[in-house]
């Protein structure tokens, strides 16, 4: 089976909201937690299952962290035409950063697909 993942028209990701949440636990070297809400939207004519993801988080000083794994928040969502899967998760960063990535999946036909996660900013508010 080919390792080539293709994009299909009508499958997209929307960033619904990004919220700075300073009261959440975060390690000392990455003290700024952000919760993000996003939706994977299947406006294609095909049924698919999301099987994995790859996130890239780049901080203001150029440091890049890559996170890869199976599923999405512990699930492998099945999306029929017209359906969406919405969830929230978080990133912790040391300074202003940006995040983006890709979800990987498979069509009912067995063809491998991908959908881009748009770039979004993790902007640390100024101290008061």
N, C-alpha and C. Protein backbone atom coordinates (compact mmCIF):
# COMPACT_ATOMS: atom_id res chain seq x y z
N UNK A 1 0.85 -1.18 0.00
CA UNK A 1 0.00 0.00 0.00
C UNK A 1 0.89 1.24 0.00
N UNK A 2 0.51 2.24 -0.72
CA UNK A 2 1.29 3.47 -0.85
C UNK A 2 1.32 4.25 0.46
N UNK A 3 2.45 4.92 0.69
CA UNK A 3 2.55 5.78 1.87
C UNK A 3 2.19 7.22 1.54
N UNK A 4 1.74 7.46 0.32
CA UNK A 4 1.37 8.80 -0.11
C UNK A 4 -0.01 9.15 0.44
N UNK A 5 -0.08 10.28 1.13
CA UNK A 5 -1.35 10.78 1.65
C UNK A 5 -1.80 11.92 0.75
N UNK A 6 -3.04 11.90 0.32
CA UNK A 6 -3.52 13.00 -0.51
C UNK A 6 -4.62 13.76 0.22
N UNK A 7 -4.78 15.00 -0.18
CA UNK A 7 -5.87 15.82 0.36
C UNK A 7 -7.10 15.59 -0.50
N UNK A 8 -8.27 15.67 0.12
CA UNK A 8 -9.50 15.53 -0.65
C UNK A 8 -10.33 16.80 -0.50
N UNK A 9 -10.94 17.26 -1.58
CA UNK A 9 -11.76 18.47 -1.52
C UNK A 9 -12.89 18.31 -0.51
N UNK A 10 -13.11 19.36 0.29
CA UNK A 10 -14.20 19.36 1.25
C UNK A 10 -13.81 18.92 2.64
N UNK A 11 -12.61 18.39 2.82
CA UNK A 11 -12.14 18.00 4.15
C UNK A 11 -11.24 19.12 4.67
N UNK A 12 -11.59 19.67 5.84
CA UNK A 12 -10.83 20.80 6.35
C UNK A 12 -10.84 20.82 7.87
N UNK A 13 -9.94 21.64 8.42
CA UNK A 13 -9.87 21.87 9.85
C UNK A 13 -10.08 23.35 10.10
N UNK A 14 -10.90 23.67 11.09
CA UNK A 14 -11.10 25.06 11.52
C UNK A 14 -10.65 25.20 12.96
N UNK A 15 -9.91 26.26 13.23
CA UNK A 15 -9.52 26.61 14.59
C UNK A 15 -10.66 27.44 15.16
N UNK A 16 -11.37 26.89 16.12
CA UNK A 16 -12.55 27.56 16.66
C UNK A 16 -12.18 28.62 17.69
N UNK A 17 -11.20 28.32 18.54
CA UNK A 17 -10.81 29.27 19.59
C UNK A 17 -9.48 28.83 20.20
N UNK A 18 -8.69 29.82 20.61
CA UNK A 18 -7.44 29.58 21.34
C UNK A 18 -7.47 30.47 22.57
N UNK A 19 -7.31 29.89 23.76
CA UNK A 19 -7.45 30.63 25.01
C UNK A 19 -6.22 30.43 25.88
N UNK A 20 -5.65 31.53 26.35
CA UNK A 20 -4.56 31.47 27.32
C UNK A 20 -5.16 31.11 28.68
N UNK A 21 -4.62 30.07 29.32
CA UNK A 21 -5.19 29.56 30.57
C UNK A 21 -4.10 29.47 31.64
N UNK A 22 -3.68 30.60 32.21
CA UNK A 22 -2.53 30.62 33.14
C UNK A 22 -2.74 29.81 34.41
N UNK A 23 -3.97 29.47 34.77
CA UNK A 23 -4.21 28.70 36.00
C UNK A 23 -3.97 27.20 35.83
N UNK A 24 -3.80 26.73 34.59
CA UNK A 24 -3.53 25.31 34.36
C UNK A 24 -2.07 24.98 34.70
N UNK A 25 -1.84 23.73 35.08
CA UNK A 25 -0.48 23.28 35.39
C UNK A 25 0.39 23.34 34.13
N UNK A 26 1.63 23.78 34.34
CA UNK A 26 2.60 23.84 33.24
C UNK A 26 3.99 23.72 33.85
N UNK A 27 4.92 23.09 33.14
CA UNK A 27 6.28 22.96 33.66
C UNK A 27 6.99 24.33 33.69
N UNK A 28 7.99 24.43 34.53
CA UNK A 28 8.71 25.70 34.68
C UNK A 28 9.33 26.19 33.38
N UNK A 29 9.80 25.26 32.54
CA UNK A 29 10.45 25.67 31.29
C UNK A 29 9.45 26.00 30.17
N UNK A 30 8.16 25.72 30.39
CA UNK A 30 7.09 26.04 29.45
C UNK A 30 5.88 26.49 30.27
N UNK A 31 5.96 27.69 30.84
CA UNK A 31 4.96 28.11 31.84
C UNK A 31 3.65 28.66 31.31
N UNK A 32 3.47 28.65 29.98
CA UNK A 32 2.28 29.29 29.41
C UNK A 32 1.37 28.26 28.73
N UNK A 33 0.27 27.88 29.41
CA UNK A 33 -0.67 26.91 28.82
C UNK A 33 -1.76 27.59 27.98
N UNK A 34 -2.02 26.98 26.85
CA UNK A 34 -3.09 27.42 25.95
C UNK A 34 -4.01 26.24 25.66
N UNK A 35 -5.30 26.49 25.72
CA UNK A 35 -6.28 25.50 25.31
C UNK A 35 -6.78 25.92 23.94
N UNK A 36 -6.84 24.97 23.04
CA UNK A 36 -7.36 25.27 21.71
C UNK A 36 -8.54 24.35 21.41
N UNK A 37 -9.48 24.89 20.66
CA UNK A 37 -10.69 24.19 20.24
C UNK A 37 -10.67 24.15 18.72
N UNK A 38 -10.83 22.96 18.16
CA UNK A 38 -10.86 22.88 16.71
C UNK A 38 -11.85 21.85 16.22
N UNK A 39 -12.17 21.95 14.95
CA UNK A 39 -13.13 21.04 14.32
C UNK A 39 -12.54 20.50 13.04
N UNK A 40 -12.70 19.19 12.84
CA UNK A 40 -12.39 18.54 11.57
C UNK A 40 -13.73 18.39 10.86
N UNK A 41 -13.85 18.99 9.69
CA UNK A 41 -15.13 19.07 8.99
C UNK A 41 -15.05 18.28 7.69
N UNK A 42 -15.98 17.35 7.51
CA UNK A 42 -16.00 16.53 6.31
C UNK A 42 -17.15 16.96 5.40
N UNK A 43 -16.87 17.91 4.52
CA UNK A 43 -17.84 18.31 3.51
C UNK A 43 -17.54 17.62 2.18
N UNK A 44 -16.79 16.52 2.24
CA UNK A 44 -16.54 15.74 1.03
C UNK A 44 -17.69 14.75 0.84
N UNK A 45 -17.59 13.93 -0.19
CA UNK A 45 -18.61 12.93 -0.45
C UNK A 45 -18.18 11.55 0.03
N UNK A 46 -17.11 11.50 0.84
CA UNK A 46 -16.54 10.22 1.25
C UNK A 46 -16.50 10.08 2.77
N UNK A 47 -16.60 8.85 3.24
CA UNK A 47 -16.48 8.55 4.66
C UNK A 47 -15.02 8.25 4.95
N UNK A 48 -14.54 8.77 6.09
CA UNK A 48 -13.14 8.59 6.44
C UNK A 48 -12.98 8.43 7.95
N UNK A 49 -11.84 7.90 8.32
CA UNK A 49 -11.47 7.76 9.73
C UNK A 49 -10.15 8.48 9.94
N UNK A 50 -10.11 9.35 10.95
CA UNK A 50 -8.85 10.02 11.32
C UNK A 50 -8.07 9.06 12.21
N UNK A 51 -6.84 8.79 11.82
CA UNK A 51 -6.04 7.80 12.53
C UNK A 51 -4.84 8.36 13.28
N UNK A 52 -4.42 9.58 12.93
CA UNK A 52 -3.23 10.11 13.60
C UNK A 52 -3.07 11.59 13.34
N UNK A 53 -2.01 12.15 13.98
CA UNK A 53 -1.77 13.58 13.82
C UNK A 53 -0.29 13.87 14.00
N UNK A 54 0.08 15.03 13.47
CA UNK A 54 1.43 15.56 13.64
C UNK A 54 1.29 17.06 13.88
N UNK A 55 1.77 17.50 15.03
CA UNK A 55 1.74 18.91 15.40
C UNK A 55 3.16 19.46 15.37
N UNK A 56 3.29 20.69 14.92
CA UNK A 56 4.57 21.41 14.98
C UNK A 56 4.30 22.70 15.74
N UNK A 57 5.09 22.92 16.80
CA UNK A 57 4.96 24.13 17.61
C UNK A 57 6.32 24.83 17.58
N UNK A 58 6.33 26.05 17.06
CA UNK A 58 7.57 26.81 16.94
C UNK A 58 7.51 28.04 17.82
N UNK A 59 8.47 28.14 18.74
CA UNK A 59 8.48 29.28 19.68
C UNK A 59 9.17 30.48 19.04
N UNK A 60 8.98 31.64 19.67
CA UNK A 60 9.53 32.89 19.18
C UNK A 60 11.04 32.88 19.02
N UNK A 61 11.73 32.02 19.75
CA UNK A 61 13.19 31.95 19.63
C UNK A 61 13.63 30.93 18.59
N UNK A 62 12.67 30.35 17.86
CA UNK A 62 12.99 29.42 16.79
C UNK A 62 12.99 27.95 17.19
N UNK A 63 12.88 27.65 18.48
CA UNK A 63 12.84 26.25 18.91
C UNK A 63 11.57 25.60 18.37
N UNK A 64 11.71 24.40 17.82
CA UNK A 64 10.58 23.69 17.23
C UNK A 64 10.37 22.36 17.95
N UNK A 65 9.13 22.09 18.32
CA UNK A 65 8.75 20.82 18.94
C UNK A 65 7.77 20.14 17.99
N UNK A 66 8.03 18.87 17.71
CA UNK A 66 7.14 18.08 16.85
C UNK A 66 6.51 16.99 17.71
N UNK A 67 5.18 16.90 17.64
CA UNK A 67 4.44 15.90 18.39
C UNK A 67 3.65 15.05 17.40
N UNK A 68 3.89 13.73 17.41
CA UNK A 68 3.18 12.83 16.51
C UNK A 68 2.52 11.73 17.34
N UNK A 69 1.41 11.23 16.84
CA UNK A 69 0.78 10.13 17.56
C UNK A 69 -0.44 9.60 16.85
N UNK A 70 -0.96 8.53 17.42
CA UNK A 70 -2.16 7.89 16.89
C UNK A 70 -3.40 8.61 17.38
N UNK A 71 -4.42 8.59 16.56
CA UNK A 71 -5.71 9.11 16.96
C UNK A 71 -5.73 10.60 17.21
N UNK A 72 -6.84 11.03 17.80
CA UNK A 72 -7.07 12.42 18.17
C UNK A 72 -7.69 12.38 19.56
N UNK A 73 -7.04 12.93 20.54
CA UNK A 73 -7.48 12.88 21.94
C UNK A 73 -8.00 11.49 22.33
N UNK A 74 -7.22 10.48 21.96
CA UNK A 74 -7.56 9.12 22.33
C UNK A 74 -8.64 8.46 21.49
N UNK A 75 -9.09 9.12 20.44
CA UNK A 75 -10.14 8.58 19.59
C UNK A 75 -9.65 8.47 18.15
N UNK A 76 -10.36 7.66 17.37
CA UNK A 76 -10.15 7.60 15.91
C UNK A 76 -11.50 7.90 15.27
N UNK A 77 -11.82 9.20 15.17
CA UNK A 77 -13.17 9.57 14.73
C UNK A 77 -13.49 9.16 13.29
N UNK A 78 -14.70 8.61 13.13
CA UNK A 78 -15.26 8.28 11.83
C UNK A 78 -16.12 9.47 11.41
N UNK A 79 -15.85 9.99 10.21
CA UNK A 79 -16.59 11.15 9.72
C UNK A 79 -17.26 10.80 8.39
N UNK A 80 -18.58 10.76 8.43
CA UNK A 80 -19.34 10.55 7.21
C UNK A 80 -19.51 11.91 6.52
N UNK A 81 -19.93 11.91 5.25
CA UNK A 81 -20.16 13.18 4.57
C UNK A 81 -21.08 14.10 5.38
N UNK A 82 -20.67 15.35 5.53
CA UNK A 82 -21.45 16.34 6.26
C UNK A 82 -21.21 16.36 7.76
N UNK A 83 -20.40 15.45 8.29
CA UNK A 83 -20.16 15.41 9.74
C UNK A 83 -18.91 16.18 10.12
N UNK A 84 -18.84 16.48 11.42
CA UNK A 84 -17.67 17.16 11.97
C UNK A 84 -17.31 16.51 13.29
N UNK A 85 -16.02 16.61 13.62
CA UNK A 85 -15.52 16.14 14.91
C UNK A 85 -14.85 17.34 15.56
N UNK A 86 -15.39 17.77 16.71
CA UNK A 86 -14.83 18.92 17.42
C UNK A 86 -14.24 18.45 18.74
N UNK A 87 -13.13 19.04 19.11
CA UNK A 87 -12.50 18.68 20.38
C UNK A 87 -11.64 19.83 20.87
N UNK A 88 -11.15 19.69 22.08
CA UNK A 88 -10.20 20.67 22.60
C UNK A 88 -9.03 19.92 23.24
N UNK A 89 -7.90 20.58 23.21
CA UNK A 89 -6.69 20.05 23.84
C UNK A 89 -5.84 21.26 24.21
N UNK A 90 -4.56 21.04 24.50
CA UNK A 90 -3.74 22.18 24.89
C UNK A 90 -2.28 21.99 24.50
N UNK A 91 -1.58 23.12 24.48
CA UNK A 91 -0.12 23.16 24.33
C UNK A 91 0.41 24.03 25.46
N UNK A 92 1.60 23.71 25.95
CA UNK A 92 2.29 24.59 26.89
C UNK A 92 3.54 25.10 26.18
N UNK A 93 3.80 26.40 26.30
CA UNK A 93 4.92 27.02 25.59
C UNK A 93 5.72 27.90 26.53
N UNK A 94 6.94 28.21 26.13
CA UNK A 94 7.79 29.07 26.97
C UNK A 94 7.64 30.55 26.63
N UNK A 95 7.16 30.84 25.44
CA UNK A 95 6.99 32.24 24.98
C UNK A 95 6.02 32.23 23.82
N UNK A 96 5.78 33.40 23.23
CA UNK A 96 4.92 33.46 22.05
C UNK A 96 5.35 32.39 21.06
N UNK A 97 4.37 31.69 20.52
CA UNK A 97 4.65 30.57 19.62
C UNK A 97 3.56 30.51 18.55
N UNK A 98 3.77 29.61 17.60
CA UNK A 98 2.74 29.30 16.63
C UNK A 98 2.70 27.80 16.46
N UNK A 99 1.52 27.31 16.09
CA UNK A 99 1.31 25.87 15.95
C UNK A 99 0.59 25.59 14.63
N UNK A 100 0.86 24.42 14.06
CA UNK A 100 0.19 23.95 12.87
C UNK A 100 0.46 22.46 12.75
N UNK A 101 -0.15 21.84 11.76
CA UNK A 101 0.09 20.40 11.62
C UNK A 101 -0.77 19.74 10.58
N UNK A 102 -0.95 18.43 10.78
CA UNK A 102 -1.68 17.60 9.84
C UNK A 102 -2.38 16.46 10.58
N UNK A 103 -3.60 16.17 10.17
CA UNK A 103 -4.26 14.95 10.59
C UNK A 103 -4.13 13.96 9.44
N UNK A 104 -3.96 12.68 9.79
CA UNK A 104 -3.86 11.62 8.80
C UNK A 104 -5.02 10.66 8.97
N UNK A 105 -5.55 10.19 7.86
CA UNK A 105 -6.68 9.28 7.94
C UNK A 105 -6.73 8.33 6.78
N UNK A 106 -7.85 7.63 6.70
CA UNK A 106 -8.05 6.64 5.65
C UNK A 106 -9.50 6.68 5.21
N UNK A 107 -9.70 6.61 3.90
CA UNK A 107 -11.05 6.54 3.35
C UNK A 107 -11.58 5.11 3.48
N UNK A 108 -12.88 4.94 3.36
CA UNK A 108 -13.46 3.59 3.36
C UNK A 108 -12.84 2.71 2.28
N UNK A 109 -12.37 3.33 1.19
CA UNK A 109 -11.75 2.58 0.09
C UNK A 109 -10.35 2.09 0.44
N UNK A 110 -9.79 2.59 1.57
CA UNK A 110 -8.44 2.21 1.96
C UNK A 110 -7.38 3.24 1.57
N UNK A 111 -7.78 4.25 0.80
CA UNK A 111 -6.83 5.29 0.39
C UNK A 111 -6.47 6.18 1.57
N UNK A 112 -5.19 6.50 1.68
CA UNK A 112 -4.70 7.35 2.76
C UNK A 112 -4.89 8.82 2.41
N UNK A 113 -5.38 9.58 3.41
CA UNK A 113 -5.63 11.00 3.18
C UNK A 113 -5.00 11.81 4.31
N UNK A 114 -4.90 13.11 4.06
CA UNK A 114 -4.41 14.04 5.08
C UNK A 114 -5.24 15.32 4.99
N UNK A 115 -5.23 16.04 6.11
CA UNK A 115 -5.88 17.35 6.15
C UNK A 115 -5.01 18.27 6.99
N UNK A 116 -4.76 19.45 6.47
CA UNK A 116 -3.87 20.41 7.12
C UNK A 116 -4.56 21.10 8.28
N UNK A 117 -3.83 21.22 9.38
CA UNK A 117 -4.27 22.01 10.54
C UNK A 117 -3.69 23.41 10.32
N UNK A 118 -4.54 24.43 10.16
CA UNK A 118 -4.03 25.77 9.87
C UNK A 118 -3.16 26.31 11.01
N UNK A 119 -2.25 27.18 10.63
CA UNK A 119 -1.38 27.86 11.58
C UNK A 119 -2.21 28.73 12.52
N UNK A 120 -1.88 28.67 13.82
CA UNK A 120 -2.50 29.60 14.77
C UNK A 120 -1.48 30.03 15.80
N UNK A 121 -1.71 31.21 16.34
CA UNK A 121 -0.77 31.85 17.27
C UNK A 121 -1.10 31.51 18.71
N UNK A 122 -0.06 31.33 19.50
CA UNK A 122 -0.15 31.17 20.96
C UNK A 122 0.56 32.38 21.53
N UNK A 123 -0.21 33.45 21.71
CA UNK A 123 0.36 34.75 22.11
C UNK A 123 0.19 34.95 23.61
N UNK A 124 1.32 35.03 24.30
CA UNK A 124 1.31 35.22 25.76
C UNK A 124 0.93 36.68 26.05
N UNK A 125 -0.11 36.89 26.88
CA UNK A 125 -0.49 38.27 27.20
C UNK A 125 0.61 38.97 28.00
N UNK A 126 0.72 40.28 27.84
CA UNK A 126 1.72 41.02 28.64
C UNK A 126 1.39 40.96 30.13
N UNK A 127 2.44 40.97 30.95
CA UNK A 127 2.22 40.97 32.41
C UNK A 127 1.63 42.29 32.83
N UNK A 128 0.72 42.21 33.79
CA UNK A 128 0.07 43.44 34.27
C UNK A 128 0.76 43.96 35.51
